[in-house]
Structure formats: structure tokens, C-alpha cells
């Protein structure tokens, strides 16, 4: 009996969510006494005792839980097999193959022509055609191997059946990636899907209409590669008030936290906030301005920006400087150019000025072509959500700090951390500007 024919739908209340099985698994006990083993973690604040759940499982040689839907938290657990279904999963590798072949020919033609001009001051098309013929067979073989190795079992029928039993539209892998549940810090919970926005729509719209909306949502991404639903979910908001119930706790050293922070928890205007800092000079009853995630998790709302409106500012570690934009690309280009200049200089010492020009110009052509191809590839294929850039934009928009126009300006105000004998990653003192 296959998995499709033995799928069973069960509805009940969680009686107990039992500890860890293996590394990250757990066991779910229902009010009727049945126990189901889940090979992945279920977040306790999302799946709690007393919640009504819909569970889909199969009994074969081994019990397999394919889906658990919490009707209270509107969170859906999905087995990894269900998350693989994507009817267009071969489209990306095919386009990548086409791009790679075009890029290699473009790179080869451009470099050969540039080399001929540098060495001979003229172009020889016969030599160009003679060199390019060696590209054909290796490129074609690599493209075939790459494309063929992309084939996989997407578990199409199983996925469609599970979503049908849940009365959901069939969600493809791209939909699920955009709907993944996460905490207030934007860390994704593997295997958990946030369906809070979709479930109310099921009462008024058909599965077909919802699936069509999801497809449109995926295709209409902004500059940060966010869909409209993601922009709503990850929205930030500014609050101000008095710091209360302040708690500081040192994060213990571990294999994950090799350079741990201090965890800050507090209440501002009745809102529970938390964040991670290297040091914290504020105390209770300080008036503060805070930029927080609208999304809440079990600890509260994560703060990305906290300002006492007088002296101290605390930012998330990744915000001040680590913004990958065209400036960073130009800096990398300049560094590699200097390296090429040094290499060409050593050739000039041995072979003379002509050798310097040949090596330097050839290197610059090679470098320029590589950067062009990387830029084009990024524009065509990179769809990774840019959370740091998204948050940085909001911080720059909301902050009102004299002398600070953009986040990079905060580097002039870094606090020195005497315990770690280095500049703070999170703290800035507006009374202590560094030149």
C-alpha cells in the first residue's frame, strides 16, 4: 500500500508536546491518547497544549506525519517531501545552463579579441574561430550533465493530496519559501509555514483564486526581493516611551555563540521588546525611542534600533556597515586592480615596459569581464531576500540623529568595549565622536 492510499486525516487537541527525539524531533500527544512522532522541531509557542490541530499521517511500515495544522497559531508543519513540489523546478537550471554557455562564449570572444589587440594591434577572425571550436564539446557536455543531475522526485501527487485534505490550494516550493514561519529576528523556522494571511481567505475565495494570487505575489518582488505579503509581515514600527522591567542576561559561550552577546529584555509602553548587545549603559526609567519588528515571537518584539534621545544608540550588529551595494563592488574591483598592478610591476622588472602593459591590460580586461558576468548573473538569478538592506532602509528613514545621515556614519561613534578590547558591534556614543 503506497503513501497516497493510506493517508489519514485526524483532528484533535494537543494534550502534550514531548521533548526531543534524536537531535530535533518531538512527539505530539492528542487528547484521545494517540502519539505521533515528528522528525523535526515544533516551536512550543506555536504548537501548545489545548490547541486544535489537523494532522495528516500514514501508517505503513513506519508512521510518517506529513502535515500538522494549528488552527490557533495558524502555523502549518510540513514534511520535507511536501516542500519539494515545484512544477517549474527545471526552469532555473535550464536558464542557468543557457546563461553559462552564452557567458563562456562572450567571455572567450571578448578576451581573445582583447588579447589580439594588446599583442598585435589587430583582429584575426580566423584565429578567433579556430580557438572557439574547442569550447563546443566541453560546454555541451557540462550543460547536459548539470541539467540531468537537477532531475528529482518532487512528490507531486503526494503534495497535491496533502493540500487537498487540508482544503488548501496546492502550494509550490517557491510559495512555501515566502510563507516560512520565522521569529521577530527574521530567523526562519525550518519546516514551518505561516498561513495566517491565507486561512481567512479560504472562506471567501476558491483554492484556484488563491493559488493564482500566490503566483502573482511571487512574480512581483520589490528591490529587496520581498513579496507584498512579506513586506506586510516584516514591517517595522517605531515606538517611544519609558524603559521598564529591564533584564540583562549574558548569552553563554557555545559552539554557535563563540563571541556571545548580552540579551536585553524590557518593556516600553506595555510592549515586550528584546535584543542583543555588546554592552548596555541604560537603566530603568530611561526615555527611549525604539524601532521594532511588527512580528512578535515568544520573547516579544525584536528591536533593531534603540536610542535614549540624548547619547546612546544601539543597533543590530549587521546594520551599520555590512550593506552589499555597488560601493562594495567598486571597492572589491579597486582592490583586485591594485593586485593586478603589483603583479604587472614584477613582470616589468624582468621583461620591461611592454610586458607590464600586456599583463596589466590583460588582467584588467579579465577582471572587467568577470565583474560584468557576475553582475548580470546576480540581476537575473538572485532572488534571495535582503533582510539587512530592508531593515537598514527603515532605520535611516525613522532615525532623527544630528550629524548622522546614513548608517555608515555611526562608525564614527563606536563605543570601545574594554572587556573584549575592541570596538563594540552594537553600541554608539554620540558624545564621543572618533576622527
Protein backbone atom coordinates (compact mmCIF):
# COMPACT_ATOMS: atom_id res chain seq x y z
CA UNK A 1 0.00 0.00 0.00
CA UNK A 2 1.51 3.33 -1.05
CA UNK A 3 1.51 6.58 0.93
CA UNK A 4 -1.28 8.15 -1.11
CA UNK A 5 -3.78 5.39 -0.47
CA UNK A 6 -3.05 5.26 3.27
CA UNK A 7 -3.17 8.98 4.09
CA UNK A 8 -5.34 9.62 7.14
CA UNK A 9 -6.74 12.92 8.40
CA UNK A 10 -7.17 13.34 12.15
CA UNK A 11 -8.42 16.32 14.13
CA UNK A 12 -7.93 16.76 17.87
CA UNK A 13 -6.38 18.80 20.66
CA UNK A 14 -2.76 18.73 21.71
CA UNK A 15 -2.51 17.07 25.10
CA UNK A 16 1.26 17.26 25.34
CA UNK A 17 4.26 18.25 23.21
CA UNK A 18 7.01 15.98 24.41
CA UNK A 19 10.75 16.76 24.35
CA UNK A 20 13.39 15.94 21.85
CA UNK A 21 13.69 12.74 19.88
CA UNK A 22 17.15 12.40 18.43
CA UNK A 23 18.52 15.80 17.56
CA UNK A 24 15.48 17.93 16.87
CA UNK A 25 12.38 15.74 16.69
CA UNK A 26 9.43 15.65 19.06
CA UNK A 27 6.29 13.71 19.90
CA UNK A 28 2.74 15.08 19.82
CA UNK A 29 0.18 13.52 22.16
CA UNK A 30 -3.53 14.11 21.42
CA UNK A 31 -6.48 14.12 23.78
CA UNK A 32 -7.58 10.70 22.52
CA UNK A 33 -4.30 9.15 23.68
CA UNK A 34 -2.65 8.80 20.28
CA UNK A 35 1.00 9.75 19.99
CA UNK A 36 2.63 10.90 16.76
CA UNK A 37 6.39 11.19 16.25
CA UNK A 38 7.57 14.17 14.22
CA UNK A 39 11.19 14.09 12.98
CA UNK A 40 11.54 17.88 13.18
CA UNK A 41 11.15 20.54 15.84
CA UNK A 42 7.77 22.14 16.55
CA UNK A 43 8.11 25.50 18.26
CA UNK A 44 6.37 25.32 21.67
CA UNK A 45 4.95 28.85 21.37
CA UNK A 46 3.29 27.91 18.06
CA UNK A 47 2.08 24.41 19.00
CA UNK A 48 0.75 24.50 22.56
CA UNK A 49 -1.35 22.28 24.81
CA UNK A 50 -5.07 22.65 24.12
CA UNK A 51 -4.70 23.86 20.53
CA UNK A 52 -6.93 22.26 17.91
CA UNK A 53 -4.85 20.69 15.14
CA UNK A 54 -5.45 18.87 11.90
CA UNK A 55 -2.93 16.08 11.41
CA UNK A 56 -2.26 14.10 8.23
CA UNK A 57 -0.27 10.91 8.52
CA UNK A 58 0.19 7.50 7.01
CA UNK A 59 0.60 4.06 8.58
CA UNK A 60 2.95 1.87 6.61
CA UNK A 61 5.96 0.04 7.95
CA UNK A 62 6.85 3.31 9.68
CA UNK A 63 4.45 6.01 10.78
CA UNK A 64 5.03 9.24 8.83
CA UNK A 65 3.47 12.60 9.72
CA UNK A 66 3.13 14.75 6.59
CA UNK A 67 1.29 17.81 7.94
CA UNK A 68 0.13 19.37 11.20
CA UNK A 69 -2.03 22.49 11.08
CA UNK A 70 -2.58 24.53 14.25
CA UNK A 71 -5.89 26.38 13.93
CA UNK A 72 -4.98 28.80 16.76
CA UNK A 73 -1.49 29.94 15.72
CA UNK A 74 -2.30 29.33 12.02
CA UNK A 75 1.00 27.57 11.57
CA UNK A 76 1.49 24.57 9.32
CA UNK A 77 4.15 21.90 9.75
CA UNK A 78 5.07 20.14 6.50
CA UNK A 79 7.21 17.08 5.94
CA UNK A 80 10.26 17.86 3.72
CA UNK A 81 8.80 15.73 0.89
CA UNK A 82 5.78 18.03 0.69
CA UNK A 83 8.02 21.10 0.43
CA UNK A 84 9.81 19.82 -2.66
CA UNK A 85 6.92 20.07 -5.10
CA UNK A 86 7.61 22.68 -7.76
CA UNK A 87 6.27 22.15 -11.30
CA UNK A 88 8.79 24.68 -12.65
CA UNK A 89 11.84 23.44 -10.78
CA UNK A 90 13.75 22.68 -14.03
CA UNK A 91 13.23 26.20 -15.40
CA UNK A 92 16.00 27.73 -13.32
CA UNK A 93 18.70 25.10 -14.14
CA UNK A 94 17.78 25.33 -17.84
CA UNK A 95 18.14 29.12 -17.84
CA UNK A 96 21.39 28.80 -15.86
CA UNK A 97 22.76 26.44 -18.49
CA UNK A 98 21.83 28.86 -21.27
CA UNK A 99 23.38 31.75 -19.36
CA UNK A 100 26.57 29.80 -18.64
CA UNK A 101 27.03 28.87 -22.31
CA UNK A 102 26.38 32.42 -23.52
CA UNK A 103 28.67 33.80 -20.78
CA UNK A 104 31.55 31.48 -21.70
CA UNK A 105 31.31 32.39 -25.40
CA UNK A 106 31.03 36.09 -24.55
CA UNK A 107 33.98 35.84 -22.19
CA UNK A 108 36.05 33.83 -24.67
CA UNK A 109 35.35 36.07 -27.67
CA UNK A 110 35.93 39.29 -25.70
CA UNK A 111 39.18 38.13 -24.13
CA UNK A 112 40.61 36.66 -27.35
CA UNK A 113 39.83 39.88 -29.26
CA UNK A 114 41.31 42.00 -26.47
CA UNK A 115 44.42 39.82 -26.38
CA UNK A 116 44.90 40.13 -30.13
CA UNK A 117 44.58 43.91 -29.92
CA UNK A 118 47.02 44.13 -26.99
CA UNK A 119 49.65 41.87 -28.57
CA UNK A 120 49.25 42.55 -32.29
CA UNK A 121 47.21 45.72 -32.55
CA UNK A 122 44.81 43.96 -34.93
CA UNK A 123 41.99 41.38 -35.00
CA UNK A 124 42.32 37.97 -36.67
CA UNK A 125 38.88 36.41 -37.08
CA UNK A 126 40.26 33.12 -38.41
CA UNK A 127 42.22 32.62 -35.20
CA UNK A 128 39.13 33.55 -33.21
CA UNK A 129 37.03 30.86 -34.90
CA UNK A 130 39.87 28.36 -34.53
CA UNK A 131 40.09 28.92 -30.76
CA UNK A 132 36.33 28.87 -30.17
CA UNK A 133 35.85 25.40 -31.67
CA UNK A 134 37.46 23.89 -28.55
CA UNK A 135 34.61 25.35 -26.45
CA UNK A 136 31.74 23.48 -28.12
CA UNK A 137 32.00 19.89 -26.88
CA UNK A 138 33.10 20.59 -23.25
CA UNK A 139 30.37 23.21 -22.84
CA UNK A 140 27.66 20.97 -24.24
CA UNK A 141 28.78 18.01 -22.08
CA UNK A 142 28.88 20.12 -18.89
CA UNK A 143 25.44 21.62 -19.66
CA UNK A 144 23.88 18.17 -20.20
CA UNK A 145 25.43 16.76 -17.01
CA UNK A 146 24.35 19.78 -14.93
CA UNK A 147 20.80 19.76 -16.28
CA UNK A 148 20.32 15.99 -15.93
CA UNK A 149 21.56 16.00 -12.33
CA UNK A 150 18.84 18.53 -11.45
CA UNK A 151 16.10 15.96 -12.02
CA UNK A 152 14.44 14.82 -8.81
CA UNK A 153 11.25 13.36 -7.40
CA UNK A 154 9.10 16.36 -6.44
CA UNK A 155 6.42 14.17 -4.81
CA UNK A 156 3.79 15.93 -6.88
CA UNK A 157 0.86 13.58 -6.23
CA UNK A 158 1.62 13.32 -2.52
CA UNK A 159 1.85 17.10 -2.10
CA UNK A 160 -1.35 17.74 -4.02
CA UNK A 161 -3.21 15.14 -1.97
CA UNK A 162 -2.00 16.53 1.37
CA UNK A 163 -3.04 20.10 0.49
CA UNK A 164 -6.37 18.79 -0.81
CA UNK A 165 -7.03 17.06 2.52
CA UNK A 166 -6.21 20.33 4.30
CA UNK A 167 -8.64 22.18 1.98
CA UNK A 168 -5.72 24.37 0.93
CA UNK A 169 -4.63 25.40 -2.55
CA UNK A 170 -1.59 23.45 -3.68
CA UNK A 171 1.43 25.46 -2.55
CA UNK A 172 4.62 25.04 -4.55
CA UNK A 173 8.15 25.27 -3.15
CA UNK A 174 8.52 28.99 -4.13
CA UNK A 175 5.26 29.79 -2.29
CA UNK A 176 6.39 27.89 0.80
CA UNK A 177 9.74 29.68 0.93
CA UNK A 178 7.92 33.02 1.01
CA UNK A 179 5.49 31.77 3.65
CA UNK A 180 8.02 30.21 6.03
CA UNK A 181 7.40 30.96 9.66
CA UNK A 182 10.09 32.89 11.50
CA UNK A 183 10.78 34.76 14.70
CA UNK A 184 10.87 38.51 15.24
CA UNK A 185 14.58 38.50 14.32
CA UNK A 186 13.68 37.15 10.83
CA UNK A 187 15.29 33.75 11.52
CA UNK A 188 13.38 31.12 9.57
CA UNK A 189 11.84 28.08 11.27
CA UNK A 190 12.55 25.06 9.04
CA UNK A 191 9.50 23.00 8.02
CA UNK A 192 7.03 25.53 9.47
CA UNK A 193 4.77 27.67 7.27
CA UNK A 194 2.83 30.75 8.34
CA UNK A 195 -0.66 30.53 6.82
CA UNK A 196 -2.26 33.29 8.94
CA UNK A 197 -2.91 35.51 5.96
CA UNK A 198 -4.20 32.74 3.76
CA UNK A 199 -6.62 30.90 6.06
CA UNK A 200 -9.24 33.69 6.38
CA UNK A 201 -9.29 34.00 2.57
CA UNK A 202 -10.26 30.33 2.22
CA UNK A 203 -13.73 31.23 3.49
CA UNK A 204 -14.39 33.72 0.70
CA UNK A 205 -12.20 32.65 -2.21
CA UNK A 206 -11.62 29.44 -4.11
CA UNK A 207 -8.38 27.48 -3.96
CA UNK A 208 -7.77 28.32 -7.63
CA UNK A 209 -8.05 32.06 -7.00
CA UNK A 210 -5.74 31.87 -4.00
CA UNK A 211 -3.18 29.86 -5.93
CA UNK A 212 -3.29 32.45 -8.72
CA UNK A 213 -2.74 35.25 -6.18
CA UNK A 214 0.20 33.41 -4.69
CA UNK A 215 1.77 33.05 -8.16
CA UNK A 216 1.32 36.76 -8.83
CA UNK A 217 2.75 37.57 -5.41
CA UNK A 218 5.90 35.59 -6.15
CA UNK A 219 6.41 37.29 -9.50
CA UNK A 220 6.01 40.85 -8.20
CA UNK A 221 9.02 41.26 -5.94
CA UNK A 222 10.47 44.60 -4.88
CA UNK A 223 14.12 45.71 -4.80
CA UNK A 224 14.66 43.65 -1.65
CA UNK A 225 13.10 40.57 -3.29
CA UNK A 226 10.11 40.77 -0.95
CA UNK A 227 6.58 39.93 -1.97
CA UNK A 228 3.68 42.14 -0.91
CA UNK A 229 2.81 39.69 1.87
CA UNK A 230 6.39 39.66 3.14
CA UNK A 231 6.52 43.45 3.23
CA UNK A 232 3.42 43.40 5.40
CA UNK A 233 4.71 40.65 7.69
CA UNK A 234 8.19 42.09 8.14
CA UNK A 235 7.06 45.68 8.58
CA UNK A 236 8.79 47.68 11.31
CA UNK A 237 7.25 50.26 13.60
CA UNK A 238 8.64 52.94 15.88
CA UNK A 239 7.58 53.27 19.50
CA UNK A 240 8.73 55.61 22.25
CA UNK A 241 8.31 55.56 25.99
CA UNK A 242 9.99 54.76 29.29
CA UNK A 243 12.24 51.72 29.65
CA UNK A 244 10.79 49.37 32.27
CA UNK A 245 11.35 45.86 33.64
CA UNK A 246 14.85 45.84 32.19
CA UNK A 247 16.63 42.47 32.33
CA UNK A 248 20.19 41.73 31.22
CA UNK A 249 21.38 38.20 30.68
CA UNK A 250 24.74 37.05 29.36
CA UNK A 251 24.42 34.60 26.47
CA UNK A 252 26.63 31.62 27.40
CA UNK A 253 29.59 30.65 25.26
CA UNK A 254 28.84 27.76 22.89
CA UNK A 255 29.85 26.30 19.54
CA UNK A 256 27.20 28.55 17.95
CA UNK A 257 27.85 31.66 20.08
CA UNK A 258 31.65 31.83 20.08
CA UNK A 259 31.58 35.58 20.75
CA UNK A 260 28.36 35.89 22.74
CA UNK A 261 26.23 38.94 23.42
CA UNK A 262 24.18 40.29 26.29
CA UNK A 263 20.46 39.59 25.83
CA UNK A 264 18.32 42.61 26.71
CA UNK A 265 14.64 42.24 27.64
CA UNK A 266 12.45 45.18 28.62
CA UNK A 267 9.00 46.72 28.36
CA UNK A 268 8.25 50.00 26.56
CA UNK A 269 4.66 51.29 26.56
CA UNK A 270 3.45 47.85 27.59
CA UNK A 271 5.24 46.20 24.68
CA UNK A 272 7.75 43.45 25.40
CA UNK A 273 11.00 44.01 23.48
CA UNK A 274 14.32 42.17 23.29
CA UNK A 275 17.66 42.43 21.52
CA UNK A 276 21.36 41.52 21.67
CA UNK A 277 24.12 43.99 22.52
CA UNK A 278 27.81 44.03 23.46
CA UNK A 279 27.16 46.40 26.35
CA UNK A 280 24.18 48.41 27.66
CA UNK A 281 24.52 51.67 29.58
CA UNK A 282 20.82 52.43 30.05
CA UNK A 283 18.71 51.64 33.11
CA UNK A 284 15.03 51.57 34.01
CA UNK A 285 13.07 54.82 33.59
CA UNK A 286 15.22 56.00 30.69
CA UNK A 287 13.10 57.50 27.94
CA UNK A 288 13.84 55.69 24.68
CA UNK A 289 12.89 55.57 21.02
CA UNK A 290 12.77 52.06 19.59
CA UNK A 291 12.32 50.56 16.12
CA UNK A 292 10.84 47.06 16.46
CA UNK A 293 9.55 44.24 14.30
CA UNK A 294 5.77 44.17 13.98
CA UNK A 295 6.02 40.37 14.10
CA UNK A 296 6.11 39.02 17.65
CA UNK A 297 7.61 35.78 18.92
CA UNK A 298 7.77 34.08 22.34
CA UNK A 299 10.28 36.65 23.66
CA UNK A 300 8.48 39.72 22.31
CA UNK A 301 9.37 42.16 19.55
CA UNK A 302 12.99 42.34 18.43
CA UNK A 303 14.46 45.85 18.50
CA UNK A 304 16.72 46.90 15.62
CA UNK A 305 17.32 50.44 16.83
CA UNK A 306 17.19 51.82 20.36
CA UNK A 307 18.03 55.45 21.18
CA UNK A 308 17.86 57.25 24.52
CA UNK A 309 17.36 60.51 22.53
CA UNK A 310 20.42 62.04 24.22
CA UNK A 311 23.59 59.99 23.97
CA UNK A 312 23.48 56.22 23.42
CA UNK A 313 22.26 54.31 20.37
CA UNK A 314 22.13 50.54 19.96
CA UNK A 315 21.77 48.87 16.58
CA UNK A 316 21.59 45.30 15.41
CA UNK A 317 25.09 44.03 14.63
CA UNK A 318 24.63 43.72 10.85
CA UNK A 319 23.17 47.16 10.22
CA UNK A 320 25.89 49.83 10.25
CA UNK A 321 28.35 48.67 7.63
CA UNK A 322 27.52 45.33 6.08
CA UNK A 323 25.40 46.60 3.19
CA UNK A 324 26.29 44.92 -0.06
CA UNK A 325 25.72 47.55 -2.74
CA UNK A 326 27.55 48.97 -5.77
CA UNK A 327 30.03 50.75 -3.47
CA UNK A 328 31.20 47.43 -2.06
CA UNK A 329 31.51 46.06 -5.59
CA UNK A 330 33.62 49.03 -6.68
CA UNK A 331 35.83 48.63 -3.62
CA UNK A 332 36.43 44.96 -4.46
CA UNK A 333 37.19 45.94 -8.06
CA UNK A 334 39.72 48.55 -6.92
CA UNK A 335 41.47 46.09 -4.58
CA UNK A 336 41.85 43.46 -7.31
CA UNK A 337 43.07 46.17 -9.73
CA UNK A 338 45.83 47.12 -7.29
CA UNK A 339 46.84 43.45 -7.02
CA UNK A 340 47.00 43.22 -10.82
CA UNK A 341 49.16 46.35 -10.91
CA UNK A 342 51.63 44.83 -8.44
CA UNK A 343 51.81 41.58 -10.44
CA UNK A 344 52.36 43.52 -13.68
CA UNK A 345 55.10 45.56 -11.98
CA UNK A 346 57.11 42.42 -11.22
CA UNK A 347 56.86 41.41 -14.88
CA UNK A 348 58.09 44.88 -15.86
CA UNK A 349 61.18 44.47 -13.67
CA UNK A 350 62.10 41.29 -15.51
CA UNK A 351 60.80 41.87 -19.04
CA UNK A 352 60.40 45.62 -19.42
CA UNK A 353 57.60 48.12 -20.05
CA UNK A 354 55.97 46.11 -22.85
CA UNK A 355 55.47 43.13 -20.53
CA UNK A 356 53.94 45.42 -17.89
CA UNK A 357 51.37 46.75 -20.35
CA UNK A 358 50.48 43.30 -21.68
CA UNK A 359 50.00 41.78 -18.21
CA UNK A 360 48.19 44.79 -16.72
CA UNK A 361 45.84 45.37 -19.65
CA UNK A 362 45.08 41.65 -19.98
CA UNK A 363 44.37 41.43 -16.27
CA UNK A 364 42.06 44.46 -16.37
CA UNK A 365 40.13 43.02 -19.31
CA UNK A 366 39.80 39.69 -17.50
CA UNK A 367 38.71 41.41 -14.27
CA UNK A 368 36.17 43.63 -16.02
CA UNK A 369 34.60 40.72 -17.87
CA UNK A 370 34.29 38.68 -14.66
CA UNK A 371 32.58 41.57 -12.83
CA UNK A 372 30.20 42.13 -15.75
CA UNK A 373 29.19 38.46 -15.80
CA UNK A 374 28.76 38.33 -12.01
CA UNK A 375 26.59 41.45 -12.09
CA UNK A 376 24.39 40.09 -14.90
CA UNK A 377 24.06 36.71 -13.13
CA UNK A 378 23.04 38.42 -9.89
CA UNK A 379 20.42 40.52 -11.65
CA UNK A 380 18.95 37.52 -13.46
CA UNK A 381 19.03 34.78 -10.84
CA UNK A 382 19.45 36.22 -7.36
CA UNK A 383 16.08 36.23 -5.57
CA UNK A 384 17.39 36.00 -2.01
CA UNK A 385 15.51 38.21 0.44
CA UNK A 386 17.66 41.14 1.53
CA UNK A 387 16.64 41.49 5.18
CA UNK A 388 19.61 43.67 6.30
CA UNK A 389 19.04 46.16 3.48
CA UNK A 390 15.32 46.23 4.17
CA UNK A 391 15.88 46.97 7.85
CA UNK A 392 18.66 49.47 7.17
CA UNK A 393 16.33 51.47 4.93
CA UNK A 394 13.74 51.68 7.70
CA UNK A 395 16.33 52.72 10.29
CA UNK A 396 17.66 55.51 8.07
CA UNK A 397 14.11 56.66 7.38
CA UNK A 398 12.97 56.70 11.00
CA UNK A 399 16.04 57.88 12.90
CA UNK A 400 16.43 61.55 13.75
CA UNK A 401 20.03 61.93 14.89
CA UNK A 402 22.00 65.13 14.34
CA UNK A 403 25.17 64.53 12.34
CA UNK A 404 24.07 61.10 11.13
CA UNK A 405 22.64 60.92 7.62
CA UNK A 406 23.24 57.25 6.87
CA UNK A 407 24.13 54.16 8.85
CA UNK A 408 27.81 54.22 7.89
CA UNK A 409 28.14 57.50 9.84
CA UNK A 410 27.65 55.59 13.09
CA UNK A 411 31.15 54.13 12.72
CA UNK A 412 32.49 57.47 13.99
CA UNK A 413 30.67 56.98 17.30
CA UNK A 414 31.53 53.37 18.18
CA UNK A 415 31.88 52.54 21.86
CA UNK A 416 35.11 50.80 22.89
CA UNK A 417 34.47 47.55 24.71
CA UNK A 418 37.25 47.29 27.36
CA UNK A 419 36.44 43.66 28.21
CA UNK A 420 36.91 42.47 24.64
CA UNK A 421 39.49 45.17 23.79
CA UNK A 422 37.81 46.17 20.56
CA UNK A 423 35.11 48.44 19.23
CA UNK A 424 31.55 47.50 20.08
CA UNK A 425 29.48 45.78 17.42
CA UNK A 426 26.22 47.31 18.60
CA UNK A 427 26.80 50.41 20.76
CA UNK A 428 27.36 54.04 19.72
CA UNK A 429 28.07 57.09 21.89
CA UNK A 430 27.08 60.43 20.33
CA UNK A 431 29.20 62.27 22.92
CA UNK A 432 32.38 60.53 21.84
CA UNK A 433 33.00 61.06 18.13
CA UNK A 434 36.08 59.32 16.72
CA UNK A 435 38.04 61.08 13.99
